[in-house]
Amino acid sequence: MTQVLEALKWRYATKKFDANKNLPQDKIEVLKNAFNLTATSFGLQPVKLVIINDKTLQQQLFPVSMEQQQVVDASHLLVFCVEKKVDAQYVETYFDNIKAIRNTPDDILAPFKEYLLDHFSTVTPEDAHLWATKQAYITMGNLLTVCALEEIDACPMEGFSPEGYNEILNLEEKGLQAVLVMPVGYRATDDMFADFKKVRKDLKDAVIEW
């Protein structure tokens, strides 16, 4: 527990990355696996992670990222995308995967499967997008903690043009929409924000216990 709290005290929304330092592949593998292991509603995983390690592409994304330099200087740029369509086929594929991994009989899966098929046949596209976006926030939150434990610097971002990212990364063709961005890498030694004290409410003002 102490390790987790110390890691969370260490992390901050990195404002300036060292453009000359790259994350080793083993760190990227940790982030990929942590992303894939993150809990999502119904276990449907409507979020896909795009990992960019291409300075030319990062520079192209700079103008549609409110010109935030972290997007260019970070070792890697993580883009959290959601599925544009969670339909019957998507649900069927999910249950095919359950059967393949767990060998669960159809009669056991049937009630849950029918519930999801019915639910996603009636939900509006807007509500489905909102639901999927909430899952993206869950995955980003989990990765922020993992980054802290792995001493990877990160900066969660909402300040970007999803339409710009969709176009530059051809996400629409992949059935995806960008919803969140997170540059990761190593902080620059002259990032003054690294030494700022954290500003948080007192626990008594943040937590209610009964």
C-alpha atoms as a PDB file:
ATOM      1  CA  MET A   1       0.000   0.000   0.000  1.00  0.00           C
ATOM      2  CA  THR A   2       2.811   2.403   0.857  1.00  0.00           C
ATOM      3  CA  GLN A   3       4.352   1.761  -2.576  1.00  0.00           C
ATOM      4  CA  VAL A   4       1.104   2.699  -4.324  1.00  0.00           C
ATOM      5  CA  LEU A   5       0.636   5.903  -2.335  1.00  0.00           C
ATOM      6  CA  GLU A   6       4.251   6.959  -2.831  1.00  0.00           C
ATOM      7  CA  ALA A   7       3.905   6.345  -6.571  1.00  0.00           C
ATOM      8  CA  LEU A   8       0.741   8.446  -6.706  1.00  0.00           C
ATOM      9  CA  LYS A   9       2.500  11.241  -4.832  1.00  0.00           C
ATOM     10  CA  TRP A  10       5.352  11.055  -7.348  1.00  0.00           C
ATOM     11  CA  ARG A  11       3.161  11.358 -10.436  1.00  0.00           C
ATOM     12  CA  TYR A  12       1.832  14.605 -11.849  1.00  0.00           C
ATOM     13  CA  ALA A  13       0.389  15.763 -15.156  1.00  0.00           C
ATOM     14  CA  THR A  14       3.715  16.169 -16.925  1.00  0.00           C
ATOM     15  CA  LYS A  15       3.959  19.505 -18.710  1.00  0.00           C
ATOM     16  CA  LYS A  16       7.358  19.021 -20.323  1.00  0.00           C
ATOM     17  CA  PHE A  17       8.817  15.741 -21.562  1.00  0.00           C
ATOM     18  CA  ASP A  18      12.440  14.961 -22.367  1.00  0.00           C
ATOM     19  CA  ALA A  19      12.244  14.552 -26.157  1.00  0.00           C
ATOM     20  CA  ASN A  20      15.517  12.599 -26.166  1.00  0.00           C
ATOM     21  CA  LYS A  21      14.347   9.823 -23.852  1.00  0.00           C
ATOM     22  CA  ASN A  22      12.257   6.919 -25.117  1.00  0.00           C
ATOM     23  CA  LEU A  23      10.391   4.322 -23.125  1.00  0.00           C
ATOM     24  CA  PRO A  24      11.869   0.818 -23.523  1.00  0.00           C
ATOM     25  CA  GLN A  25       9.661  -1.782 -25.151  1.00  0.00           C
ATOM     26  CA  ASP A  26       9.180  -3.692 -21.907  1.00  0.00           C
ATOM     27  CA  LYS A  27       7.463  -0.636 -20.403  1.00  0.00           C
ATOM     28  CA  ILE A  28       5.188  -0.388 -23.442  1.00  0.00           C
ATOM     29  CA  GLU A  29       4.303  -4.058 -23.035  1.00  0.00           C
ATOM     30  CA  VAL A  30       3.307  -3.394 -19.420  1.00  0.00           C
ATOM     31  CA  LEU A  31       1.012  -0.571 -20.534  1.00  0.00           C
ATOM     32  CA  LYS A  32      -0.518  -2.685 -23.305  1.00  0.00           C
ATOM     33  CA  ASN A  33      -1.268  -5.555 -20.966  1.00  0.00           C
ATOM     34  CA  ALA A  34      -2.554  -3.271 -18.201  1.00  0.00           C
ATOM     35  CA  PHE A  35      -4.877  -1.643 -20.710  1.00  0.00           C
ATOM     36  CA  ASN A  36      -6.183  -5.013 -21.843  1.00  0.00           C
ATOM     37  CA  LEU A  37      -6.722  -6.174 -18.251  1.00  0.00           C
ATOM     38  CA  THR A  38      -8.690  -3.098 -17.191  1.00  0.00           C
ATOM     39  CA  ALA A  39     -12.266  -3.665 -16.087  1.00  0.00           C
ATOM     40  CA  THR A  40     -15.031  -2.504 -18.454  1.00  0.00           C
ATOM     41  CA  SER A  41     -18.815  -2.594 -18.248  1.00  0.00           C
ATOM     42  CA  PHE A  42     -20.151  -6.074 -19.097  1.00  0.00           C
ATOM     43  CA  GLY A  43     -16.541  -7.012 -19.964  1.00  0.00           C
ATOM     44  CA  LEU A  44     -17.207  -5.823 -23.524  1.00  0.00           C
ATOM     45  CA  GLN A  45     -14.030  -3.722 -23.914  1.00  0.00           C
ATOM     46  CA  PRO A  46     -15.443  -1.068 -26.268  1.00  0.00           C
ATOM     47  CA  VAL A  47     -12.143   0.832 -26.017  1.00  0.00           C
ATOM     48  CA  LYS A  48      -9.143   0.395 -28.287  1.00  0.00           C
ATOM     49  CA  LEU A  49      -5.698   1.833 -27.596  1.00  0.00           C
ATOM     50  CA  VAL A  50      -3.666   3.392 -30.401  1.00  0.00           C
ATOM     51  CA  ILE A  51       0.036   3.715 -29.540  1.00  0.00           C
ATOM     52  CA  ILE A  52       2.061   6.206 -31.585  1.00  0.00           C
ATOM     53  CA  ASN A  53       5.845   6.251 -31.583  1.00  0.00           C
ATOM     54  CA  ASP A  54       6.441   8.308 -34.710  1.00  0.00           C
ATOM     55  CA  LYS A  55       7.678  11.884 -34.345  1.00  0.00           C
ATOM     56  CA  THR A  56       6.431  12.843 -37.805  1.00  0.00           C
ATOM     57  CA  LEU A  57       2.934  11.662 -36.961  1.00  0.00           C
ATOM     58  CA  GLN A  58       3.100  13.245 -33.507  1.00  0.00           C
ATOM     59  CA  GLN A  59       4.012  16.542 -35.187  1.00  0.00           C
ATOM     60  CA  GLN A  60       1.016  16.202 -37.506  1.00  0.00           C
ATOM     61  CA  LEU A  61      -1.224  15.801 -34.458  1.00  0.00           C
ATOM     62  CA  PHE A  62       0.262  18.861 -32.737  1.00  0.00           C
ATOM     63  CA  PRO A  63      -2.075  21.440 -34.368  1.00  0.00           C
ATOM     64  CA  VAL A  64      -5.191  19.426 -33.469  1.00  0.00           C
ATOM     65  CA  SER A  65      -3.951  18.992 -29.887  1.00  0.00           C
ATOM     66  CA  MET A  66      -4.302  22.673 -28.955  1.00  0.00           C
ATOM     67  CA  GLU A  67      -0.590  22.914 -29.806  1.00  0.00           C
ATOM     68  CA  GLN A  68       0.416  21.180 -26.593  1.00  0.00           C
ATOM     69  CA  GLN A  69       4.106  20.366 -26.895  1.00  0.00           C
ATOM     70  CA  GLN A  70       3.809  17.183 -24.829  1.00  0.00           C
ATOM     71  CA  VAL A  71       2.183  15.506 -27.835  1.00  0.00           C
ATOM     72  CA  VAL A  72       5.386  15.993 -29.844  1.00  0.00           C
ATOM     73  CA  ASP A  73       8.043  15.565 -27.154  1.00  0.00           C
ATOM     74  CA  ALA A  74       6.634  12.506 -25.392  1.00  0.00           C
ATOM     75  CA  SER A  75       8.212   9.149 -26.087  1.00  0.00           C
ATOM     76  CA  HIS A  76       4.854   7.673 -27.084  1.00  0.00           C
ATOM     77  CA  LEU A  77       1.379   9.071 -27.572  1.00  0.00           C
ATOM     78  CA  LEU A  78      -1.543   6.964 -26.360  1.00  0.00           C
ATOM     79  CA  VAL A  79      -4.900   7.584 -28.010  1.00  0.00           C
ATOM     80  CA  PHE A  80      -7.951   6.071 -26.349  1.00  0.00           C
ATOM     81  CA  CYS A  81     -10.604   5.283 -28.947  1.00  0.00           C
ATOM     82  CA  VAL A  82     -14.102   3.863 -28.676  1.00  0.00           C
ATOM     83  CA  GLU A  83     -15.964   1.577 -31.021  1.00  0.00           C
ATOM     84  CA  LYS A  84     -18.444   3.488 -33.173  1.00  0.00           C
ATOM     85  CA  LYS A  85     -20.801   0.559 -33.192  1.00  0.00           C
ATOM     86  CA  VAL A  86     -21.528  -1.973 -30.467  1.00  0.00           C
ATOM     87  CA  ASP A  87     -24.126  -4.083 -32.224  1.00  0.00           C
ATOM     88  CA  ALA A  88     -25.342  -7.690 -32.321  1.00  0.00           C
ATOM     89  CA  GLN A  89     -22.231  -8.811 -34.189  1.00  0.00           C
ATOM     90  CA  TYR A  90     -19.972  -7.199 -31.592  1.00  0.00           C
ATOM     91  CA  VAL A  91     -21.879  -8.955 -28.787  1.00  0.00           C
ATOM     92  CA  GLU A  92     -21.783 -12.292 -30.645  1.00  0.00           C
ATOM     93  CA  THR A  93     -18.010 -11.987 -31.054  1.00  0.00           C
ATOM     94  CA  TYR A  94     -17.665 -11.295 -27.330  1.00  0.00           C
ATOM     95  CA  PHE A  95     -19.535 -14.486 -26.431  1.00  0.00           C
ATOM     96  CA  ASP A  96     -17.576 -16.499 -29.001  1.00  0.00           C
ATOM     97  CA  ASN A  97     -14.451 -15.387 -27.161  1.00  0.00           C
ATOM     98  CA  ILE A  98     -15.904 -16.438 -23.802  1.00  0.00           C
ATOM     99  CA  LYS A  99     -16.674 -19.891 -25.182  1.00  0.00           C
ATOM    100  CA  ALA A 100     -13.219 -20.233 -26.718  1.00  0.00           C
ATOM    101  CA  ILE A 101     -11.428 -19.262 -23.499  1.00  0.00           C
ATOM    102  CA  ARG A 102     -13.678 -20.797 -20.823  1.00  0.00           C
ATOM    103  CA  ASN A 103     -15.534 -23.456 -22.781  1.00  0.00           C
ATOM    104  CA  THR A 104     -18.737 -22.265 -21.098  1.00  0.00           C
ATOM    105  CA  PRO A 105     -21.885 -24.098 -22.306  1.00  0.00           C
ATOM    106  CA  ASP A 106     -24.373 -22.112 -24.403  1.00  0.00           C
ATOM    107  CA  ASP A 107     -27.203 -22.654 -21.940  1.00  0.00           C
ATOM    108  CA  ILE A 108     -25.162 -20.957 -19.210  1.00  0.00           C
ATOM    109  CA  LEU A 109     -24.301 -17.993 -21.423  1.00  0.00           C
ATOM    110  CA  ALA A 110     -27.744 -17.602 -23.005  1.00  0.00           C
ATOM    111  CA  PRO A 111     -29.454 -15.352 -20.399  1.00  0.00           C
ATOM    112  CA  PHE A 112     -26.613 -12.840 -20.265  1.00  0.00           C
ATOM    113  CA  LYS A 113     -26.171 -12.949 -24.040  1.00  0.00           C
ATOM    114  CA  GLU A 114     -29.855 -12.309 -24.702  1.00  0.00           C
ATOM    115  CA  TYR A 115     -29.838  -9.442 -22.224  1.00  0.00           C
ATOM    116  CA  LEU A 116     -26.916  -7.720 -23.981  1.00  0.00           C
ATOM    117  CA  LEU A 117     -28.375  -8.318 -27.447  1.00  0.00           C
ATOM    118  CA  ASP A 118     -31.638  -6.765 -26.336  1.00  0.00           C
ATOM    119  CA  HIS A 119     -29.953  -3.881 -24.530  1.00  0.00           C
ATOM    120  CA  PHE A 120     -27.721  -2.815 -27.417  1.00  0.00           C
ATOM    121  CA  SER A 121     -30.543  -3.176 -29.931  1.00  0.00           C
ATOM    122  CA  THR A 122     -32.502  -0.444 -28.155  1.00  0.00           C
ATOM    123  CA  VAL A 123     -29.840   1.963 -26.881  1.00  0.00           C
ATOM    124  CA  THR A 124     -29.375   5.141 -28.935  1.00  0.00           C
ATOM    125  CA  PRO A 125     -26.060   5.809 -30.719  1.00  0.00           C
ATOM    126  CA  GLU A 126     -25.531   8.819 -28.462  1.00  0.00           C
ATOM    127  CA  ASP A 127     -26.038   6.804 -25.289  1.00  0.00           C
ATOM    128  CA  ALA A 128     -23.834   4.004 -26.610  1.00  0.00           C
ATOM    129  CA  HIS A 129     -21.060   6.525 -27.317  1.00  0.00           C
ATOM    130  CA  LEU A 130     -21.408   8.020 -23.832  1.00  0.00           C
ATOM    131  CA  TRP A 131     -21.277   4.547 -22.272  1.00  0.00           C
ATOM    132  CA  ALA A 132     -18.161   3.617 -24.259  1.00  0.00           C
ATOM    133  CA  THR A 133     -16.499   6.925 -23.416  1.00  0.00           C
ATOM    134  CA  LYS A 134     -16.976   6.225 -19.711  1.00  0.00           C
ATOM    135  CA  GLN A 135     -15.070   2.990 -20.225  1.00  0.00           C
ATOM    136  CA  ALA A 136     -12.242   4.951 -21.843  1.00  0.00           C
ATOM    137  CA  TYR A 137     -11.960   7.095 -18.716  1.00  0.00           C
ATOM    138  CA  ILE A 138     -11.761   3.946 -16.596  1.00  0.00           C
ATOM    139  CA  THR A 139      -8.922   2.590 -18.727  1.00  0.00           C
ATOM    140  CA  MET A 140      -7.038   5.878 -18.673  1.00  0.00           C
ATOM    141  CA  GLY A 141      -7.382   6.086 -14.900  1.00  0.00           C
ATOM    142  CA  ASN A 142      -6.003   2.599 -14.512  1.00  0.00           C
ATOM    143  CA  LEU A 143      -3.079   3.333 -16.833  1.00  0.00           C
ATOM    144  CA  LEU A 144      -2.257   6.501 -14.897  1.00  0.00           C
ATOM    145  CA  THR A 145      -1.790   4.396 -11.767  1.00  0.00           C
ATOM    146  CA  VAL A 146       0.245   1.801 -13.654  1.00  0.00           C
ATOM    147  CA  CYS A 147       2.415   4.570 -15.099  1.00  0.00           C
ATOM    148  CA  ALA A 148       3.058   5.892 -11.602  1.00  0.00           C
ATOM    149  CA  LEU A 149       4.066   2.451 -10.336  1.00  0.00           C
ATOM    150  CA  GLU A 150       6.367   1.970 -13.344  1.00  0.00           C
ATOM    151  CA  GLU A 151       7.811   5.515 -13.009  1.00  0.00           C
ATOM    152  CA  ILE A 152       6.492   6.456 -16.417  1.00  0.00           C
ATOM    153  CA  ASP A 153       5.493  10.089 -16.737  1.00  0.00           C
ATOM    154  CA  ALA A 154       2.112  10.821 -18.274  1.00  0.00           C
ATOM    155  CA  CYS A 155      -0.280  13.662 -19.012  1.00  0.00           C
ATOM    156  CA  PRO A 156      -3.998  12.896 -19.445  1.00  0.00           C
ATOM    157  CA  MET A 157      -5.591  15.174 -22.035  1.00  0.00           C
ATOM    158  CA  GLU A 158      -9.075  16.110 -23.137  1.00  0.00           C
ATOM    159  CA  GLY A 159      -7.827  19.214 -24.944  1.00  0.00           C
ATOM    160  CA  PHE A 160      -7.654  18.033 -28.522  1.00  0.00           C
ATOM    161  CA  SER A 161      -9.843  17.777 -31.609  1.00  0.00           C
ATOM    162  CA  PRO A 162     -11.338  14.272 -31.832  1.00  0.00           C
ATOM    163  CA  GLU A 163     -12.334  15.017 -35.425  1.00  0.00           C
ATOM    164  CA  GLY A 164      -8.751  16.008 -36.244  1.00  0.00           C
ATOM    165  CA  TYR A 165      -7.377  12.813 -34.725  1.00  0.00           C
ATOM    166  CA  ASN A 166     -10.026  10.715 -36.461  1.00  0.00           C
ATOM    167  CA  GLU A 167      -9.010  12.180 -39.809  1.00  0.00           C
ATOM    168  CA  ILE A 168      -5.226  12.062 -39.411  1.00  0.00           C
ATOM    169  CA  LEU A 169      -5.231   8.519 -37.970  1.00  0.00           C
ATOM    170  CA  ASN A 170      -7.967   7.243 -40.318  1.00  0.00           C
ATOM    171  CA  LEU A 171      -9.925   6.092 -37.285  1.00  0.00           C
ATOM    172  CA  GLU A 172     -13.321   6.294 -38.957  1.00  0.00           C
ATOM    173  CA  GLU A 173     -12.219   3.619 -41.422  1.00  0.00           C
ATOM    174  CA  LYS A 174     -11.393   1.387 -38.467  1.00  0.00           C
ATOM    175  CA  GLY A 175     -14.812   1.985 -36.879  1.00  0.00           C
ATOM    176  CA  LEU A 176     -13.251   4.039 -34.076  1.00  0.00           C
ATOM    177  CA  GLN A 177     -13.486   7.503 -32.575  1.00  0.00           C
ATOM    178  CA  ALA A 178     -10.785   9.208 -30.493  1.00  0.00           C
ATOM    179  CA  VAL A 179     -11.971  10.337 -27.059  1.00  0.00           C
ATOM    180  CA  LEU A 180      -8.844  10.786 -24.882  1.00  0.00           C
ATOM    181  CA  VAL A 181      -5.123  11.341 -25.368  1.00  0.00           C
ATOM    182  CA  MET A 182      -2.214  10.588 -23.036  1.00  0.00           C
ATOM    183  CA  PRO A 183       1.430  11.362 -23.869  1.00  0.00           C
ATOM    184  CA  VAL A 184       3.842   9.138 -21.934  1.00  0.00           C
ATOM    185  CA  GLY A 185       7.601   9.177 -21.471  1.00  0.00           C
ATOM    186  CA  TYR A 186      10.049  10.800 -19.082  1.00  0.00           C
ATOM    187  CA  ARG A 187       9.781  14.269 -17.562  1.00  0.00           C
ATOM    188  CA  ALA A 188      12.287  16.921 -18.554  1.00  0.00           C
ATOM    189  CA  THR A 189      14.674  17.890 -15.771  1.00  0.00           C
ATOM    190  CA  ASP A 190      13.608  21.525 -16.100  1.00  0.00           C
ATOM    191  CA  ASP A 191       9.863  20.935 -15.829  1.00  0.00           C
ATOM    192  CA  MET A 192       9.127  23.174 -12.877  1.00  0.00           C
ATOM    193  CA  PHE A 193       5.772  21.501 -12.286  1.00  0.00           C
ATOM    194  CA  ALA A 194       7.546  18.315 -11.167  1.00  0.00           C
ATOM    195  CA  ASP A 195       8.459  19.880  -7.816  1.00  0.00           C
ATOM    196  CA  PHE A 196       5.177  21.595  -7.083  1.00  0.00           C
ATOM    197  CA  LYS A 197       3.367  20.372  -3.986  1.00  0.00           C
ATOM    198  CA  LYS A 198       0.148  18.541  -4.741  1.00  0.00           C
ATOM    199  CA  VAL A 199      -3.001  20.535  -4.104  1.00  0.00           C
ATOM    200  CA  ARG A 200      -5.697  18.242  -2.764  1.00  0.00           C
ATOM    201  CA  LYS A 201      -8.589  18.579  -0.349  1.00  0.00           C
ATOM    202  CA  ASP A 202      -8.126  17.338   3.199  1.00  0.00           C
ATOM    203  CA  LEU A 203      -9.279  13.743   3.476  1.00  0.00           C
ATOM    204  CA  LYS A 204     -12.118  14.820   5.756  1.00  0.00           C
ATOM    205  CA  ASP A 205     -13.440  17.011   2.911  1.00  0.00           C
ATOM    206  CA  ALA A 206     -12.941  14.389   0.219  1.00  0.00           C
ATOM    207  CA  VAL A 207     -14.141  11.205   1.926  1.00  0.00           C
ATOM    208  CA  ILE A 208     -17.371  10.464   3.767  1.00  0.00           C
ATOM    209  CA  GLU A 209     -17.330   7.502   6.136  1.00  0.00           C
ATOM    210  CA  TRP A 210     -20.384   6.021   7.813  1.00  0.00           C
END
